């Protein structure tokens, strides 16, 4: 979630994934830091956030509760 699916819906999907035995959840790059904070409050499994730009305030992503960064790189 985190792209076209936002807010509480992302959290509901993450909670369901955790209940089903997932060992982590991945959220897309457009996910706001507020949603990551809310996720961290609701689930105990790791949160992986996709990063597509060094200009996306990576430190704030981690402070918001991201456990791991998935770095997406374009090679030309």
PDB file of N, CA and C in Angstrom:
ATOM      1  N   UNK A   1       0.815  -1.197   0.000  1.00  0.00           N
ATOM      2  CA  UNK A   1       0.000   0.000   0.000  1.00  0.00           C
ATOM      3  C   UNK A   1       0.849   1.248   0.000  1.00  0.00           C
ATOM      4  N   UNK A   2       0.163   2.355   0.050  1.00  0.00           N
ATOM      5  CA  UNK A   2       0.850   3.626   0.143  1.00  0.00           C
ATOM      6  C   UNK A   2       0.826   4.453  -1.123  1.00  0.00           C
ATOM      7  N   UNK A   3       0.497   3.855  -2.248  1.00  0.00           N
ATOM      8  CA  UNK A   3       0.410   4.603  -3.502  1.00  0.00           C
ATOM      9  C   UNK A   3      -0.995   5.125  -3.662  1.00  0.00           C
ATOM     10  N   UNK A   4      -1.853   4.327  -4.268  1.00  0.00           N
ATOM     11  CA  UNK A   4      -3.252   4.720  -4.408  1.00  0.00           C
ATOM     12  C   UNK A   4      -4.059   4.319  -3.180  1.00  0.00           C
ATOM     13  N   UNK A   5      -3.578   3.339  -2.442  1.00  0.00           N
ATOM     14  CA  UNK A   5      -4.203   2.952  -1.177  1.00  0.00           C
ATOM     15  C   UNK A   5      -3.502   3.743  -0.080  1.00  0.00           C
ATOM     16  N   UNK A   6      -4.265   4.453   0.745  1.00  0.00           N
ATOM     17  CA  UNK A   6      -3.631   5.331   1.725  1.00  0.00           C
ATOM     18  C   UNK A   6      -4.266   5.197   3.110  1.00  0.00           C
ATOM     19  N   UNK A   7      -3.616   5.840   4.086  1.00  0.00           N
ATOM     20  CA  UNK A   7      -4.154   5.999   5.427  1.00  0.00           C
ATOM     21  C   UNK A   7      -4.569   4.718   6.126  1.00  0.00           C
ATOM     22  N   UNK A   8      -5.771   4.755   6.674  1.00  0.00           N
ATOM     23  CA  UNK A   8      -6.273   3.650   7.475  1.00  0.00           C
ATOM     24  C   UNK A   8      -6.330   2.349   6.687  1.00  0.00           C
ATOM     25  N   UNK A   9      -6.619   2.421   5.406  1.00  0.00           N
ATOM     26  CA  UNK A   9      -6.682   1.213   4.578  1.00  0.00           C
ATOM     27  C   UNK A   9      -5.330   0.505   4.553  1.00  0.00           C
ATOM     28  N   UNK A  10      -4.241   1.257   4.463  1.00  0.00           N
ATOM     29  CA  UNK A  10      -2.902   0.678   4.487  1.00  0.00           C
ATOM     30  C   UNK A  10      -2.681  -0.052   5.808  1.00  0.00           C
ATOM     31  N   UNK A  11      -3.082   0.582   6.896  1.00  0.00           N
ATOM     32  CA  UNK A  11      -2.920  -0.021   8.215  1.00  0.00           C
ATOM     33  C   UNK A  11      -3.756  -1.293   8.332  1.00  0.00           C
ATOM     34  N   UNK A  12      -4.993  -1.251   7.842  1.00  0.00           N
ATOM     35  CA  UNK A  12      -5.844  -2.444   7.889  1.00  0.00           C
ATOM     36  C   UNK A  12      -5.217  -3.603   7.115  1.00  0.00           C
ATOM     37  N   UNK A  13      -4.669  -3.313   5.941  1.00  0.00           N
ATOM     38  CA  UNK A  13      -4.027  -4.355   5.139  1.00  0.00           C
ATOM     39  C   UNK A  13      -2.789  -4.903   5.850  1.00  0.00           C
ATOM     40  N   UNK A  14      -2.015  -4.024   6.458  1.00  0.00           N
ATOM     41  CA  UNK A  14      -0.808  -4.449   7.170  1.00  0.00           C
ATOM     42  C   UNK A  14      -1.168  -5.307   8.384  1.00  0.00           C
ATOM     43  N   UNK A  15      -2.188  -4.903   9.124  1.00  0.00           N
ATOM     44  CA  UNK A  15      -2.626  -5.697  10.276  1.00  0.00           C
ATOM     45  C   UNK A  15      -3.090  -7.079   9.829  1.00  0.00           C
ATOM     46  N   UNK A  16      -3.844  -7.133   8.746  1.00  0.00           N
ATOM     47  CA  UNK A  16      -4.313  -8.407   8.231  1.00  0.00           C
ATOM     48  C   UNK A  16      -3.135  -9.284   7.809  1.00  0.00           C
ATOM     49  N   UNK A  17      -2.160  -8.687   7.147  1.00  0.00           N
ATOM     50  CA  UNK A  17      -0.972  -9.436   6.731  1.00  0.00           C
ATOM     51  C   UNK A  17      -0.244 -10.005   7.951  1.00  0.00           C
ATOM     52  N   UNK A  18      -0.120  -9.187   8.997  1.00  0.00           N
ATOM     53  CA  UNK A  18       0.537  -9.647  10.224  1.00  0.00           C
ATOM     54  C   UNK A  18      -0.241 -10.802  10.856  1.00  0.00           C
ATOM     55  N   UNK A  19      -1.556 -10.681  10.920  1.00  0.00           N
ATOM     56  CA  UNK A  19      -2.392 -11.735  11.490  1.00  0.00           C
ATOM     57  C   UNK A  19      -2.283 -13.040  10.701  1.00  0.00           C
ATOM     58  N   UNK A  20      -2.025 -12.919   9.389  1.00  0.00           N
ATOM     59  CA  UNK A  20      -1.919 -14.088   8.517  1.00  0.00           C
ATOM     60  C   UNK A  20      -0.520 -14.714   8.552  1.00  0.00           C
ATOM     61  N   UNK A  21       0.398 -14.097   9.295  1.00  0.00           N
ATOM     62  CA  UNK A  21       1.731 -14.671   9.447  1.00  0.00           C
ATOM     63  C   UNK A  21       2.838 -13.992   8.667  1.00  0.00           C
ATOM     64  N   UNK A  22       2.568 -12.846   8.049  1.00  0.00           N
ATOM     65  CA  UNK A  22       3.620 -12.129   7.315  1.00  0.00           C
ATOM     66  C   UNK A  22       4.749 -11.748   8.277  1.00  0.00           C
ATOM     67  N   UNK A  23       5.959 -11.743   7.765  1.00  0.00           N
ATOM     68  CA  UNK A  23       7.105 -11.373   8.585  1.00  0.00           C
ATOM     69  C   UNK A  23       7.536  -9.931   8.338  1.00  0.00           C
ATOM     70  N   UNK A  24       6.815  -9.216   7.492  1.00  0.00           N
ATOM     71  CA  UNK A  24       7.086  -7.814   7.220  1.00  0.00           C
ATOM     72  C   UNK A  24       6.102  -7.297   6.189  1.00  0.00           C
ATOM     73  N   UNK A  25       6.006  -5.979   6.086  1.00  0.00           N
ATOM     74  CA  UNK A  25       5.160  -5.355   5.074  1.00  0.00           C
ATOM     75  C   UNK A  25       5.995  -4.356   4.288  1.00  0.00           C
ATOM     76  N   UNK A  26       5.654  -4.207   3.015  1.00  0.00           N
ATOM     77  CA  UNK A  26       6.337  -3.257   2.141  1.00  0.00           C
ATOM     78  C   UNK A  26       5.334  -2.184   1.747  1.00  0.00           C
ATOM     79  N   UNK A  27       5.727  -0.921   1.905  1.00  0.00           N
ATOM     80  CA  UNK A  27       4.882   0.187   1.465  1.00  0.00           C
ATOM     81  C   UNK A  27       5.610   0.963   0.381  1.00  0.00           C
ATOM     82  N   UNK A  28       4.848   1.510  -0.528  1.00  0.00           N
ATOM     83  CA  UNK A  28       5.390   2.195  -1.691  1.00  0.00           C
ATOM     84  C   UNK A  28       5.970   3.561  -1.342  1.00  0.00           C
ATOM     85  N   UNK A  29       6.794   4.061  -2.229  1.00  0.00           N
ATOM     86  CA  UNK A  29       7.481   5.336  -2.037  1.00  0.00           C
ATOM     87  C   UNK A  29       6.563   6.511  -1.703  1.00  0.00           C
ATOM     88  N   UNK A  30       5.365   6.631  -2.290  1.00  0.00           N
ATOM     89  CA  UNK A  30       4.533   7.800  -1.981  1.00  0.00           C
ATOM     90  C   UNK A  30       3.904   7.802  -0.581  1.00  0.00           C
ATOM     91  N   UNK A  31       4.084   6.740   0.173  1.00  0.00           N
ATOM     92  CA  UNK A  31       3.478   6.653   1.504  1.00  0.00           C
ATOM     93  C   UNK A  31       3.959   7.806   2.385  1.00  0.00           C
ATOM     94  N   UNK A  32       3.023   8.586   2.937  1.00  0.00           N
ATOM     95  CA  UNK A  32       3.426   9.694   3.811  1.00  0.00           C
ATOM     96  C   UNK A  32       4.036   9.189   5.129  1.00  0.00           C
ATOM     97  N   UNK A  33       4.913   9.982   5.715  1.00  0.00           N
ATOM     98  CA  UNK A  33       5.528   9.623   6.987  1.00  0.00           C
ATOM     99  C   UNK A  33       4.479   9.415   8.077  1.00  0.00           C
ATOM    100  N   UNK A  34       3.381  10.153   8.013  1.00  0.00           N
ATOM    101  CA  UNK A  34       2.317  10.006   9.009  1.00  0.00           C
ATOM    102  C   UNK A  34       1.738   8.593   8.970  1.00  0.00           C
ATOM    103  N   UNK A  35       1.599   8.040   7.775  1.00  0.00           N
ATOM    104  CA  UNK A  35       1.080   6.676   7.641  1.00  0.00           C
ATOM    105  C   UNK A  35       2.075   5.667   8.206  1.00  0.00           C
ATOM    106  N   UNK A  36       3.361   5.896   7.982  1.00  0.00           N
ATOM    107  CA  UNK A  36       4.385   5.011   8.531  1.00  0.00           C
ATOM    108  C   UNK A  36       4.335   5.043  10.057  1.00  0.00           C
ATOM    109  N   UNK A  37       4.180   6.228  10.637  1.00  0.00           N
ATOM    110  CA  UNK A  37       4.059   6.354  12.101  1.00  0.00           C
ATOM    111  C   UNK A  37       2.858   5.568  12.613  1.00  0.00           C
ATOM    112  N   UNK A  38       1.733   5.701  11.938  1.00  0.00           N
ATOM    113  CA  UNK A  38       0.512   5.010  12.331  1.00  0.00           C
ATOM    114  C   UNK A  38       0.691   3.495  12.209  1.00  0.00           C
ATOM    115  N   UNK A  39       1.351   3.058  11.140  1.00  0.00           N
ATOM    116  CA  UNK A  39       1.643   1.635  10.973  1.00  0.00           C
ATOM    117  C   UNK A  39       2.477   1.114  12.134  1.00  0.00           C
ATOM    118  N   UNK A  40       3.519   1.866  12.490  1.00  0.00           N
ATOM    119  CA  UNK A  40       4.419   1.445  13.563  1.00  0.00           C
ATOM    120  C   UNK A  40       3.659   1.262  14.872  1.00  0.00           C
ATOM    121  N   UNK A  41       2.651   2.103  15.114  1.00  0.00           N
ATOM    122  CA  UNK A  41       1.850   1.990  16.335  1.00  0.00           C
ATOM    123  C   UNK A  41       0.979   0.733  16.321  1.00  0.00           C
ATOM    124  N   UNK A  42       0.599   0.264  15.139  1.00  0.00           N
ATOM    125  CA  UNK A  42      -0.392  -0.800  15.017  1.00  0.00           C
ATOM    126  C   UNK A  42       0.171  -2.194  14.757  1.00  0.00           C
ATOM    127  N   UNK A  43       1.369  -2.282  14.179  1.00  0.00           N
ATOM    128  CA  UNK A  43       1.926  -3.602  13.873  1.00  0.00           C
ATOM    129  C   UNK A  43       3.304  -3.750  14.501  1.00  0.00           C
ATOM    130  N   UNK A  44       3.696  -5.011  14.698  1.00  0.00           N
ATOM    131  CA  UNK A  44       4.990  -5.288  15.319  1.00  0.00           C
ATOM    132  C   UNK A  44       6.029  -5.793  14.324  1.00  0.00           C
ATOM    133  N   UNK A  45       5.584  -6.195  13.127  1.00  0.00           N
ATOM    134  CA  UNK A  45       6.515  -6.723  12.135  1.00  0.00           C
ATOM    135  C   UNK A  45       7.234  -5.563  11.421  1.00  0.00           C
ATOM    136  N   UNK A  46       8.368  -5.838  10.791  1.00  0.00           N
ATOM    137  CA  UNK A  46       9.125  -4.777  10.112  1.00  0.00           C
ATOM    138  C   UNK A  46       8.334  -4.095   8.992  1.00  0.00           C
ATOM    139  N   UNK A  47       8.607  -2.814   8.832  1.00  0.00           N
ATOM    140  CA  UNK A  47       8.026  -2.007   7.758  1.00  0.00           C
ATOM    141  C   UNK A  47       9.149  -1.660   6.782  1.00  0.00           C
ATOM    142  N   UNK A  48       8.976  -2.066   5.537  1.00  0.00           N
ATOM    143  CA  UNK A  48       9.946  -1.763   4.492  1.00  0.00           C
ATOM    144  C   UNK A  48       9.348  -0.669   3.627  1.00  0.00           C
ATOM    145  N   UNK A  49      10.086   0.420   3.431  1.00  0.00           N
ATOM    146  CA  UNK A  49       9.614   1.531   2.594  1.00  0.00           C
ATOM    147  C   UNK A  49      10.501   1.628   1.366  1.00  0.00           C
ATOM    148  N   UNK A  50       9.889   1.744   0.212  1.00  0.00           N
ATOM    149  CA  UNK A  50      10.633   1.910  -1.031  1.00  0.00           C
ATOM    150  C   UNK A  50      11.136   3.339  -1.127  1.00  0.00           C
ATOM    151  N   UNK A  51      12.396   3.493  -1.483  1.00  0.00           N
ATOM    152  CA  UNK A  51      13.011   4.812  -1.664  1.00  0.00           C
ATOM    153  C   UNK A  51      13.450   4.927  -3.114  1.00  0.00           C
ATOM    154  N   UNK A  52      13.000   5.978  -3.788  1.00  0.00           N
ATOM    155  CA  UNK A  52      13.363   6.145  -5.201  1.00  0.00           C
ATOM    156  C   UNK A  52      14.220   7.385  -5.450  1.00  0.00           C
ATOM    157  N   UNK A  53      14.430   8.183  -4.387  1.00  0.00           N
ATOM    158  CA  UNK A  53      15.214   9.403  -4.553  1.00  0.00           C
ATOM    159  C   UNK A  53      15.941   9.740  -3.256  1.00  0.00           C
ATOM    160  N   UNK A  54      17.153  10.197  -3.387  1.00  0.00           N
ATOM    161  CA  UNK A  54      17.911  10.627  -2.208  1.00  0.00           C
ATOM    162  C   UNK A  54      17.338  11.912  -1.613  1.00  0.00           C
ATOM    163  N   UNK A  55      16.407  12.523  -2.315  1.00  0.00           N
ATOM    164  CA  UNK A  55      15.801  13.772  -1.858  1.00  0.00           C
ATOM    165  C   UNK A  55      14.523  13.531  -1.056  1.00  0.00           C
ATOM    166  N   UNK A  56      14.220  12.302  -0.677  1.00  0.00           N
ATOM    167  CA  UNK A  56      12.970  11.958  -0.008  1.00  0.00           C
ATOM    168  C   UNK A  56      13.087  11.948   1.517  1.00  0.00           C
ATOM    169  N   UNK A  57      14.032  12.653   2.083  1.00  0.00           N
ATOM    170  CA  UNK A  57      14.187  12.747   3.536  1.00  0.00           C
ATOM    171  C   UNK A  57      14.253  11.364   4.180  1.00  0.00           C
ATOM    172  N   UNK A  58      15.267  10.621   3.822  1.00  0.00           N
ATOM    173  CA  UNK A  58      15.426   9.248   4.283  1.00  0.00           C
ATOM    174  C   UNK A  58      15.457   9.170   5.803  1.00  0.00           C
ATOM    175  N   UNK A  59      16.128  10.101   6.448  1.00  0.00           N
ATOM    176  CA  UNK A  59      16.210  10.098   7.917  1.00  0.00           C
ATOM    177  C   UNK A  59      14.808  10.159   8.535  1.00  0.00           C
ATOM    178  N   UNK A  60      13.924  10.983   7.973  1.00  0.00           N
ATOM    179  CA  UNK A  60      12.560  11.088   8.503  1.00  0.00           C
ATOM    180  C   UNK A  60      11.775   9.804   8.291  1.00  0.00           C
ATOM    181  N   UNK A  61      12.068   9.064   7.222  1.00  0.00           N
ATOM    182  CA  UNK A  61      11.407   7.780   6.982  1.00  0.00           C
ATOM    183  C   UNK A  61      11.747   6.810   8.112  1.00  0.00           C
ATOM    184  N   UNK A  62      13.020   6.781   8.480  1.00  0.00           N
ATOM    185  CA  UNK A  62      13.464   5.894   9.553  1.00  0.00           C
ATOM    186  C   UNK A  62      12.891   6.359  10.893  1.00  0.00           C
ATOM    187  N   UNK A  63      12.929   7.657  11.137  1.00  0.00           N
ATOM    188  CA  UNK A  63      12.365   8.198  12.382  1.00  0.00           C
ATOM    189  C   UNK A  63      10.864   7.930  12.484  1.00  0.00           C
ATOM    190  N   UNK A  64      10.193   7.839  11.353  1.00  0.00           N
ATOM    191  CA  UNK A  64       8.750   7.587  11.333  1.00  0.00           C
ATOM    192  C   UNK A  64       8.413   6.134  11.658  1.00  0.00           C
ATOM    193  N   UNK A  65       9.404   5.240  11.542  1.00  0.00           N
ATOM    194  CA  UNK A  65       9.155   3.853  11.898  1.00  0.00           C
ATOM    195  C   UNK A  65       9.545   2.823  10.867  1.00  0.00           C
ATOM    196  N   UNK A  66      10.104   3.261   9.747  1.00  0.00           N
ATOM    197  CA  UNK A  66      10.549   2.295   8.740  1.00  0.00           C
ATOM    198  C   UNK A  66      11.691   1.459   9.316  1.00  0.00           C
ATOM    199  N   UNK A  67      11.609   0.153   9.125  1.00  0.00           N
ATOM    200  CA  UNK A  67      12.645  -0.753   9.624  1.00  0.00           C
ATOM    201  C   UNK A  67      13.762  -0.935   8.606  1.00  0.00           C
ATOM    202  N   UNK A  68      13.373  -0.925   7.327  1.00  0.00           N
ATOM    203  CA  UNK A  68      14.299  -1.200   6.232  1.00  0.00           C
ATOM    204  C   UNK A  68      13.948  -0.314   5.054  1.00  0.00           C
ATOM    205  N   UNK A  69      14.969   0.074   4.306  1.00  0.00           N
ATOM    206  CA  UNK A  69      14.754   0.835   3.086  1.00  0.00           C
ATOM    207  C   UNK A  69      14.992  -0.074   1.890  1.00  0.00           C
ATOM    208  N   UNK A  70      14.063  -0.073   0.979  1.00  0.00           N
ATOM    209  CA  UNK A  70      14.216  -0.797  -0.283  1.00  0.00           C
ATOM    210  C   UNK A  70      14.584   0.266  -1.310  1.00  0.00           C
ATOM    211  N   UNK A  71      15.819   0.259  -1.762  1.00  0.00           N
ATOM    212  CA  UNK A  71      16.294   1.285  -2.668  1.00  0.00           C
ATOM    213  C   UNK A  71      16.045   0.860  -4.106  1.00  0.00           C
ATOM    214  N   UNK A  72      15.303   1.697  -4.801  1.00  0.00           N
ATOM    215  CA  UNK A  72      14.982   1.454  -6.199  1.00  0.00           C
ATOM    216  C   UNK A  72      15.897   2.314  -7.040  1.00  0.00           C
ATOM    217  N   UNK A  73      16.691   1.687  -7.889  1.00  0.00           N
ATOM    218  CA  UNK A  73      17.669   2.404  -8.694  1.00  0.00           C
ATOM    219  C   UNK A  73      17.394   2.214 -10.169  1.00  0.00           C
ATOM    220  N   UNK A  74      17.449   3.303 -10.898  1.00  0.00           N
ATOM    221  CA  UNK A  74      17.349   3.233 -12.357  1.00  0.00           C
ATOM    222  C   UNK A  74      18.745   3.242 -12.940  1.00  0.00           C
ATOM    223  N   UNK A  75      19.014   2.294 -13.781  1.00  0.00           N
ATOM    224  CA  UNK A  75      20.307   2.246 -14.458  1.00  0.00           C
ATOM    225  C   UNK A  75      20.114   2.644 -15.904  1.00  0.00           C
ATOM    226  N   UNK A  76      20.930   3.541 -16.366  1.00  0.00           N
ATOM    227  CA  UNK A  76      20.823   4.011 -17.739  1.00  0.00           C
ATOM    228  C   UNK A  76      21.900   3.436 -18.597  1.00  0.00           C
TER     229      UNK A  76
END
